[in-house]
Structure formats: C-alpha cells, structure tokens
Protein backbone atom coordinates (compact mmCIF):
# COMPACT_ATOMS: atom_id res chain seq x y z
CA SER A 1 4.02 -0.59 -42.62
CA LYS A 2 3.88 -1.21 -46.76
CA LEU A 3 1.44 0.26 -48.95
CA ALA A 4 -0.85 -1.86 -50.78
CA PRO A 5 -1.46 -0.97 -54.68
CA GLY A 6 -4.37 1.57 -54.82
CA GLN A 7 -3.29 2.53 -51.02
CA ILE A 8 -2.56 6.11 -50.16
CA TYR A 9 -0.17 7.37 -47.73
CA THR A 10 -1.42 11.09 -46.21
CA SER A 11 0.82 12.93 -44.04
CA PRO A 12 -0.27 15.50 -41.34
CA PHE A 13 0.57 19.29 -42.34
CA ASP A 14 4.15 19.82 -41.93
CA LEU A 15 6.60 22.63 -42.87
CA ASN A 16 8.58 22.25 -45.97
CA ILE A 17 12.17 21.76 -45.54
CA GLU A 18 15.25 22.86 -47.83
CA HIS A 19 18.83 22.00 -47.14
CA ASP A 20 17.78 20.44 -43.77
CA LYS A 21 16.37 23.81 -42.41
CA ILE A 22 12.76 24.91 -42.44
CA GLU A 23 12.13 27.17 -45.24
CA ARG A 24 11.34 31.07 -44.59
CA PRO A 25 8.50 32.31 -45.08
CA LEU A 26 6.79 29.36 -43.58
CA LYS A 27 5.30 26.93 -45.81
CA PRO A 28 2.82 24.20 -44.58
CA VAL A 29 2.82 21.07 -46.90
CA ILE A 30 0.94 18.11 -46.85
CA ARG A 31 2.14 14.97 -48.79
CA PHE A 32 0.63 12.20 -50.62
CA ALA A 33 2.45 9.01 -51.42
CA MET A 34 1.16 6.26 -53.59
CA PRO A 35 3.20 2.88 -54.47
CA ILE A 36 3.46 2.15 -58.38
CA HIS A 37 3.39 -1.50 -59.17
CA ASN A 38 3.75 -3.03 -62.60
CA GLU A 39 1.10 -5.55 -63.90
CA ALA A 40 2.90 -8.39 -62.16
CA GLY A 41 2.58 -6.45 -58.81
CA THR A 42 6.05 -5.81 -58.64
CA LEU A 43 6.75 -2.65 -56.69
CA LEU A 44 8.58 -0.40 -59.13
CA GLY A 45 8.68 2.90 -57.20
CA VAL A 46 6.60 5.42 -54.92
CA GLY A 47 4.87 8.65 -56.40
CA ILE A 48 4.91 11.47 -54.23
CA ALA A 49 2.93 14.72 -54.38
CA ASN A 50 3.30 17.95 -52.36
CA TYR A 51 0.32 20.27 -51.78
CA LEU A 52 1.49 23.63 -50.30
CA GLY A 53 -1.08 25.20 -47.72
CA ASN A 54 -0.52 28.38 -49.16
CA GLN A 55 -2.48 27.31 -52.22
CA LEU A 56 -5.48 26.80 -50.30
CA PHE A 57 -5.20 29.60 -48.14
CA SER A 58 -5.05 31.83 -51.21
CA LYS A 59 -8.36 30.06 -52.35
CA LEU A 60 -10.00 30.77 -49.07
CA GLN A 61 -9.37 34.53 -49.12
CA LYS A 62 -10.69 34.77 -52.49
CA VAL A 63 -14.10 33.55 -51.36
CA ARG A 64 -14.56 35.93 -48.68
CA GLU A 65 -17.97 37.78 -48.79
CA ASN A 66 -16.95 39.93 -46.00
CA PRO A 67 -13.66 41.95 -45.23
CA HIS A 68 -13.94 41.43 -41.61
CA ASP A 69 -14.77 37.62 -41.33
CA SER A 70 -11.34 35.21 -40.90
CA PHE A 71 -10.89 31.49 -41.62
CA SER A 72 -8.81 29.33 -39.18
CA LEU A 73 -7.60 25.86 -40.26
CA LEU A 74 -6.81 23.65 -37.09
CA THR A 75 -5.25 20.12 -36.83
CA GLU A 76 -7.63 17.36 -35.33
CA ASN A 77 -6.01 18.24 -31.91
CA GLY A 78 -7.00 22.04 -32.40
CA PHE A 79 -3.49 23.51 -33.27
CA CYS A 80 -3.58 26.34 -35.97
CA ILE A 81 -1.98 25.67 -39.49
CA LYS A 82 -3.62 29.19 -40.22
CA GLY A 83 -5.10 31.30 -37.64
CA GLU A 84 -7.61 33.92 -37.67
CA ASN A 85 -5.34 36.89 -38.40
CA GLN A 86 -4.98 35.33 -41.79
CA ALA A 87 -1.20 34.63 -41.05
CA VAL A 88 0.46 31.29 -41.23
CA ASP A 89 0.73 30.55 -37.67
CA CYS A 90 2.17 26.81 -37.54
CA ASP A 91 1.78 26.68 -33.91
CA PHE A 92 1.16 22.76 -34.55
CA ILE A 93 5.05 22.75 -35.17
CA PHE A 94 6.39 25.60 -32.91
CA HIS A 95 3.89 25.35 -29.90
CA LYS A 96 3.25 21.82 -29.37
CA ASP A 97 4.13 22.10 -25.68
CA GLN A 98 1.29 24.85 -25.00
CA PRO A 99 -2.56 24.74 -25.23
CA PRO A 100 -3.78 25.24 -28.75
CA PRO A 101 -4.66 28.98 -29.24
CA PHE A 102 -7.92 28.67 -30.53
CA SER A 103 -9.58 26.60 -27.54
CA GLN A 104 -7.62 28.99 -25.27
CA LYS A 105 -9.27 32.18 -27.28
CA HIS A 106 -12.72 30.28 -27.89
CA PRO A 107 -13.17 27.43 -25.34
CA GLN A 108 -16.91 27.06 -25.59
CA VAL A 109 -16.66 27.27 -29.44
CA TRP A 110 -14.05 24.52 -29.51
CA ALA A 111 -16.00 22.48 -27.09
CA ALA A 112 -19.09 22.67 -29.16
CA ILE A 113 -17.29 22.01 -32.47
CA ASN A 114 -15.99 18.85 -31.19
CA LEU A 115 -19.73 17.51 -30.65
CA HIS A 116 -20.74 18.02 -34.16
CA GLN A 117 -19.20 17.55 -37.68
CA THR A 118 -20.34 20.77 -39.29
CA GLY A 119 -22.69 23.47 -38.52
CA GLU A 120 -22.86 27.19 -36.69
CA ILE A 121 -22.17 28.59 -33.40
CA ILE A 122 -23.36 32.08 -32.49
CA ASN A 123 -22.15 34.18 -29.60
CA ASP A 124 -21.10 37.64 -28.40
CA GLN A 125 -18.00 37.05 -30.29
CA GLY A 126 -19.84 36.26 -33.32
CA HIS A 127 -20.83 33.59 -35.97
CA PHE A 128 -18.65 30.36 -36.21
CA PHE A 129 -19.39 28.26 -39.19
CA PHE A 130 -17.15 24.98 -38.91
CA LYS A 131 -16.66 21.56 -40.59
CA HIS A 132 -14.44 18.68 -39.69
CA ILE A 133 -13.03 17.49 -42.95
CA ASP A 134 -11.65 13.95 -43.10
CA LEU A 135 -8.93 13.76 -45.71
CA VAL A 136 -10.05 10.39 -47.23
CA PRO A 137 -9.18 9.54 -50.66
CA PRO A 138 -12.14 9.10 -53.29
CA PRO A 139 -12.27 5.28 -54.96
CA PRO A 140 -10.54 3.42 -56.20
CA PHE A 141 -7.98 4.82 -53.59
CA HIS A 142 -8.10 4.00 -50.13
CA THR A 143 -5.81 4.93 -46.81
CA GLN A 144 -4.68 3.71 -43.60
CA ASN A 145 -3.80 6.63 -42.00
CA LYS A 146 -6.68 9.05 -42.41
CA GLN A 147 -6.00 12.58 -41.44
CA SER A 148 -8.49 15.06 -40.38
CA LEU A 149 -8.65 18.88 -40.43
CA THR A 150 -11.29 21.56 -39.30
CA LEU A 151 -12.14 24.70 -40.95
CA ILE A 152 -13.71 27.59 -39.00
CA ARG A 153 -14.99 30.85 -40.65
CA HIS A 154 -15.51 33.67 -38.01
CA MET A 155 -17.86 36.60 -38.85
CA PRO A 156 -18.03 39.22 -35.95
CA LEU A 157 -21.52 40.45 -35.10
CA ASP A 158 -20.87 44.04 -35.93
CA SER A 159 -20.07 42.93 -39.28
CA LEU A 160 -23.24 41.24 -39.88
CA SER A 161 -25.63 44.37 -38.94
CA GLY A 162 -28.04 45.44 -41.65
CA GLU A 163 -29.96 44.07 -44.50
CA GLU A 164 -27.00 42.01 -45.83
CA GLY A 165 -26.32 40.38 -42.89
CA PRO A 166 -28.77 37.21 -43.24
CA SER A 167 -27.70 36.65 -46.70
CA ILE A 168 -24.03 36.64 -45.93
CA VAL A 169 -24.82 34.13 -43.22
CA MET A 170 -26.67 31.96 -45.62
CA LEU A 171 -23.59 32.14 -48.19
CA SER A 172 -21.16 31.35 -45.47
CA MET A 173 -23.09 28.35 -44.36
CA THR A 174 -23.39 27.23 -48.08
CA PHE A 175 -19.33 27.60 -48.43
CA LEU A 176 -18.72 25.49 -45.44
CA LEU A 177 -20.99 22.83 -46.71
CA LEU A 178 -19.14 22.69 -50.04
CA GLY A 179 -15.67 23.36 -48.51
CA PRO A 180 -12.61 23.80 -50.86
CA LEU A 181 -10.94 21.09 -48.85
CA LEU A 182 -13.38 18.29 -49.70
CA GLY A 183 -12.26 18.86 -53.30
CA PHE A 184 -8.75 19.53 -53.63
CA LEU A 185 -7.55 16.11 -51.93
CA GLY A 186 -9.98 14.10 -54.78
CA TRP A 187 -8.27 16.36 -57.41
CA LYS A 188 -4.87 15.92 -56.32
CA LEU A 189 -5.26 12.14 -56.01
CA GLY A 190 -6.88 12.03 -59.19
CA THR A 191 -4.03 13.37 -60.89
CA TYR A 192 -2.17 10.37 -59.75
CA GLN A 193 -4.92 8.11 -61.62
CA VAL A 194 -4.35 10.26 -64.80
CA HIS A 195 -0.44 10.21 -64.68
CA GLN A 196 -0.10 6.59 -63.13
CA LYS A 197 0.10 4.94 -66.46
CA HIS A 198 2.77 7.43 -67.71
CA LEU A 199 4.64 7.08 -64.17
CA PHE A 200 4.38 3.41 -64.53
CA HIS A 201 6.25 3.35 -67.76
CA VAL A 202 8.90 5.83 -66.75
CA LEU A 203 9.48 3.77 -63.54
CA GLU A 204 9.60 0.43 -65.39
CA TYR A 205 12.00 1.67 -68.09
CA GLU A 206 14.24 3.08 -65.32
CA ALA A 207 13.98 -0.31 -63.42
CA THR A 208 15.25 -2.07 -66.91
CA HIS A 209 17.43 -0.05 -68.68
CA ASP A 210 20.85 1.63 -68.46
CA HIS A 211 20.41 5.59 -68.07
CA LEU A 212 23.27 6.52 -70.04
CA THR A 213 22.80 4.30 -73.47
CA GLY A 214 19.06 3.31 -73.24
CA LEU A 215 20.21 -0.40 -73.31
CA TYR A 216 18.99 -3.20 -71.09
CA ASN A 217 20.78 -3.19 -67.77
CA ARG A 218 22.62 -6.36 -66.07
CA LYS A 219 19.61 -7.59 -64.34
CA VAL A 220 17.34 -7.66 -67.49
CA ILE A 221 19.78 -9.42 -69.89
CA LEU A 222 20.50 -12.03 -67.37
CA ASP A 223 16.83 -12.71 -67.23
CA ILE A 224 16.79 -12.88 -71.06
CA LEU A 225 19.72 -15.01 -71.60
CA LYS A 226 18.28 -17.43 -68.83
CA GLN A 227 15.19 -17.78 -71.00
CA ASN A 228 17.08 -18.24 -74.29
CA ILE A 229 19.52 -20.69 -72.82
CA ALA A 230 16.22 -22.69 -72.02
CA LEU A 231 14.80 -22.32 -75.14
CA ALA A 232 17.85 -23.17 -77.16
CA THR A 233 18.45 -26.31 -75.24
CA ARG A 234 14.94 -27.49 -75.58
CA ARG A 235 14.74 -26.83 -79.45
CA ASN A 236 18.50 -28.04 -79.82
CA SER A 237 19.26 -24.53 -81.61
CA PRO A 238 22.36 -22.57 -81.95
CA LEU A 239 22.78 -19.70 -79.60
CA ALA A 240 25.60 -17.37 -79.47
CA LEU A 241 26.79 -14.61 -76.82
CA GLY A 242 28.88 -11.88 -77.47
CA TYR A 243 31.14 -9.91 -74.90
CA LEU A 244 32.29 -6.49 -75.60
CA ASP A 245 34.67 -3.85 -74.10
CA VAL A 246 35.00 -0.43 -75.11
CA ASN A 247 38.84 0.15 -75.34
CA ASP A 248 40.64 3.17 -73.72
CA LEU A 249 37.69 4.59 -72.26
CA LYS A 250 39.60 5.60 -69.23
CA LYS A 251 42.18 7.46 -71.50
CA MET A 252 39.28 9.43 -72.80
CA ASN A 253 38.04 10.27 -69.57
CA ASP A 254 41.29 11.38 -68.40
CA GLU A 255 42.45 13.21 -71.52
CA LEU A 256 38.91 14.90 -72.75
CA GLY A 257 36.80 14.33 -69.70
CA HIS A 258 33.79 12.39 -68.69
CA GLU A 259 31.38 14.00 -71.25
CA ALA A 260 33.67 12.67 -74.03
CA GLY A 261 33.61 9.26 -72.18
CA ASP A 262 29.85 9.29 -72.04
CA GLN A 263 29.87 10.13 -75.50
CA MET A 264 32.24 7.17 -76.64
CA LEU A 265 29.77 4.56 -74.66
CA ALA A 266 26.69 6.22 -76.30
CA GLY A 267 28.31 5.91 -79.37
CA ALA A 268 29.31 2.13 -78.77
CA ALA A 269 25.47 1.38 -77.88
CA THR A 270 24.60 3.12 -81.23
CA ALA A 271 26.88 1.02 -83.14
CA ILE A 272 25.65 -2.17 -81.44
CA ALA A 273 22.00 -1.46 -81.59
CA SER A 274 21.90 -0.23 -85.38
CA THR A 275 23.77 -3.49 -86.16
CA ILE A 276 22.22 -6.35 -84.46
CA ARG A 277 18.82 -8.10 -85.41
CA ASP A 278 15.71 -7.13 -83.78
CA SER A 279 15.51 -10.67 -82.24
CA ASP A 280 18.84 -10.19 -80.61
CA SER A 281 19.31 -8.42 -77.07
CA VAL A 282 22.09 -6.04 -75.88
CA ALA A 283 22.80 -4.77 -72.47
CA ARG A 284 25.45 -2.57 -70.84
CA VAL A 285 26.56 -4.85 -68.16
CA GLY A 286 29.38 -2.58 -66.76
CA GLY A 287 31.24 0.81 -67.08
CA ASP A 288 32.51 -0.13 -70.55
CA GLU A 289 31.10 -3.66 -71.03
CA PHE A 290 28.36 -4.77 -73.17
CA LEU A 291 26.81 -8.31 -73.67
CA ILE A 292 24.82 -9.25 -76.69
CA ILE A 293 22.67 -12.36 -77.05
CA PHE A 294 22.16 -13.90 -80.57
CA PRO A 295 19.36 -16.53 -80.61
CA ASP A 296 19.39 -18.85 -83.61
CA CYS A 297 22.89 -17.96 -84.50
CA THR A 298 25.96 -19.78 -84.74
CA LYS A 299 29.29 -18.39 -83.21
CA GLU A 300 30.51 -17.87 -86.80
CA ASP A 301 27.70 -15.61 -87.83
CA ALA A 302 27.68 -13.70 -84.71
CA VAL A 303 31.39 -12.93 -85.13
CA ILE A 304 30.59 -11.52 -88.28
CA VAL A 305 27.98 -9.13 -87.05
CA MET A 306 30.37 -8.23 -84.43
CA GLU A 307 33.27 -7.08 -86.88
CA ARG A 308 30.27 -4.76 -88.51
CA ILE A 309 29.64 -3.26 -85.00
CA GLN A 310 33.57 -3.04 -84.75
CA LEU A 311 33.71 -1.03 -88.19
CA HIS A 312 30.79 1.12 -87.11
CA PHE A 313 32.30 2.22 -84.05
CA ALA A 314 35.69 2.89 -85.59
CA GLY A 315 33.94 5.39 -87.93
CA GLN A 316 32.31 6.82 -85.16
CA GLY A 317 35.71 7.60 -83.77
CA LEU A 318 37.04 9.04 -86.95
CA ALA A 319 34.35 11.30 -87.16
CA GLU A 320 34.47 12.58 -83.71
CA THR A 321 37.99 12.59 -82.69
CA GLY A 322 39.77 11.97 -85.95
CA GLN A 323 40.79 8.59 -84.35
CA LYS A 324 39.36 5.15 -84.57
CA TRP A 325 37.63 3.93 -81.77
CA SER A 326 37.79 0.18 -81.08
CA ILE A 327 36.08 -2.64 -79.02
CA SER A 328 37.59 -5.65 -77.55
CA MET A 329 35.24 -8.67 -78.31
CA GLY A 330 34.75 -12.20 -77.33
CA CYS A 331 32.44 -14.74 -78.75
CA THR A 332 31.00 -18.17 -77.77
CA GLU A 333 28.45 -20.48 -78.48
CA LEU A 334 25.98 -22.59 -76.04
CA LYS A 335 27.21 -26.03 -75.66
CA GLN A 336 24.02 -28.49 -76.45
CA ASP A 337 25.55 -31.10 -74.09
CA GLY A 338 25.04 -28.63 -70.96
CA ASP A 339 25.73 -25.10 -70.29
CA SER A 340 25.09 -22.77 -67.41
CA LEU A 341 24.41 -19.17 -67.60
CA ASN A 342 27.51 -18.34 -65.51
CA ALA A 343 29.52 -20.80 -67.98
CA ILE A 344 28.73 -19.16 -71.19
CA ILE A 345 29.17 -15.57 -69.75
CA ASP A 346 32.56 -16.46 -68.12
CA ARG A 347 33.86 -18.14 -71.58
CA ALA A 348 32.85 -15.04 -73.53
CA ASP A 349 34.43 -12.86 -70.95
CA LYS A 350 37.65 -14.72 -71.16
CA MET A 351 37.54 -14.59 -75.09
CA MET A 352 36.90 -10.99 -74.88
CA TYR A 353 39.74 -10.16 -72.35
CA ALA A 354 42.19 -12.62 -74.64
CA HIS A 355 41.38 -10.46 -77.60
CA LYS A 356 41.93 -7.28 -75.53
CA GLN A 357 45.37 -8.39 -74.98
CA LEU A 358 45.87 -9.40 -78.53
CA CYS A 359 44.97 -5.64 -79.73
CA LYS A 360 47.48 -4.17 -77.31
CA CYS A 361 50.22 -6.30 -78.92
CA GLN A 362 48.95 -5.93 -82.39
CA GLY A 363 46.94 -2.67 -82.29
CA ASP A 364 44.53 -4.58 -84.37
CA GLY A 365 40.70 -4.51 -83.59
CA ALA A 366 40.01 -7.56 -85.81
CA LEU A 367 38.36 -10.42 -83.91
CA LEU A 368 40.52 -13.51 -84.56
C-alpha cells in the first residue's frame, strides 16, 4: 500500500544483490524507505537508505568484555542473521525449510526467550542475555510494517569464574538494556529528517526542470502558460509566445558527437535565459525546441528579444566551432477574442516551421 507522509517502510533483513546475484561475501542489509512530498502533498519521490548489518556486527564486537562470549542476532522467527560463531550465517535466507539452528541448539533457552521482552537465562551452557527489539521509528515517523529482531549474548560458565565474573555479568546486562539496535534505527531515520528538506528541493527541481539545460520542462511551462492566458484575458493585456528550434542539431550530433550537440542545446538555453526578462518564462519542450512566454508583451516587442537571442546564439557558435549557430523562430500573440492554450502554441509552432523553411532557402536567420 502507499505510504503516507512521515510513514517509514522498514524491510526485513535481506542480502545485498549486485547485478542480479547475491553479493559475496554475504552482506545482510536492512532498508528504510520514506515518501517525499512537497508542501501541497504531491508525491515527488521516495528516499531509500540501506543499513549494512556488518556495521552493526562490528559495533557488537567492539563492546565485548570477554573474549569467550558471543552474540547472535535472530529474526523474529528464530533464524540467524549472525550466529554465535561470529560469522554471518544468513540461514534466514538459505535454510528457511529447516528448523532455526539456535532453537535446535538451545531449545529451552529459545522457549524462555519468547516469554519475555528482555532478561537473563542461566543454565549449564552459561549465561544468555537477550532482548527483543522492535524496529519502530521515533516520532514524528511511524511505520505500518514493524520488524522485530532478537539480540542474544552468550557467556559460557567457564568464562565467568573468578572475581571478575559478577561484574562482567552486570556489564552485559546493562549493555543489552541499552542495546545498540535501540539507537541505530532512530539515528538512521533521523538522517531523513535532517536531509528531507534538501531531498525535497532536489526532487522538486528534477520534477520541474530539464536535466540538460536547467530550464523548465514541458509540463511546467504549460501550467505557466495556462495561468498567463487566464491573467492576460482577465486584464485585457498582451501576451506573446515564442517557439524556437535549434537548427542543425542532428548534423552536430552526427559529425561531432552527442556531447557537442548537448553543448549546442546548453548554449541555446544560455542565450535565451540571459536575454529574456525576469518576468518571462522559458522551457525546453522537446529535443531541440524551446518555448518562451512573454507576459505584458506584444508580438513586435517579443520579436526584438528573439532577434537578440539569435545574435547571442550565433556568437556562441563562432566562439565554439568557428561557424554561426542559428535558431528557427516563430512568434505569436494571444487573441483577446478567445484563444486556447493549444491554439496559441500551434500558431507559434507553425510560424517557427515556416521560418525554418525560409532559413533553408535563404541561409538567413533573421525573423521576418
């Protein structure tokens, strides 16, 4: 089901997969996912973070007070993620059809562990300190699929002989009550909160801008044009629309490669953005096509601006390739007696195409 804002999906432990194969050496991983919404509640994307189990196992090793003790990390049904031998067992993946090894080796301990949230069990095999840990995100996050793990620390009886035995037992019990797993989920999800604002801006930018030129994309410019048409109609004010097409882009790609073609498109974007007013809007709406909205501007004034864009772009071509670059252009103005969004775009597109045909005949980039 869909995640609500602030809701975290927490996966079970799984093995990391690279190129459709389980990565070796084995790398257990738990994944967290959270939807990123904008202020209006629109879903922009999903933030995903991986936490490698080996990082946790390393932390467990560092807090061992006794070289003879061991840790086990089990799934909620008793399968080992990491076994007593300090290795990554992962029988939760490879041996699902077999009884859980820990319950087979320590059946009475496992039965007792399932009766309490945390505690200590002593038998002829030693001391077992355990804690069931629910991977529940801290406020303001919440989850719909709570995952649980069981952390067990085993200390053999012969390792607890002597005066230091009682103090080691006390330290171990304290360790489990604090538990590294209690903090790592909150820390990991806390990074979402810290970086969510940045991630929101990144996702919002990617959703509204063309990745190559940094200009608005087609969807955004159509929304802006729709708003400007409504405003110009209500105010009875002029609104001009320019449609531009970069000439010879395919030839550039074929002869010099797509990097050169991308440079040409970026140059067109620079020429447009540096020439138009702050109140104007521009987008890349196709492979080599751009749309410019000129609010409170007549067609005649917009043509002057577009001629300046042509000159700027031609100069860039001379500097980069020794030849002038050119743009085919069409410009139209909103009809005050009624004009739809599609109608005004279609007129500008047809005028641009007519200009392109004229340029081919005359070799002239001037907009007539």
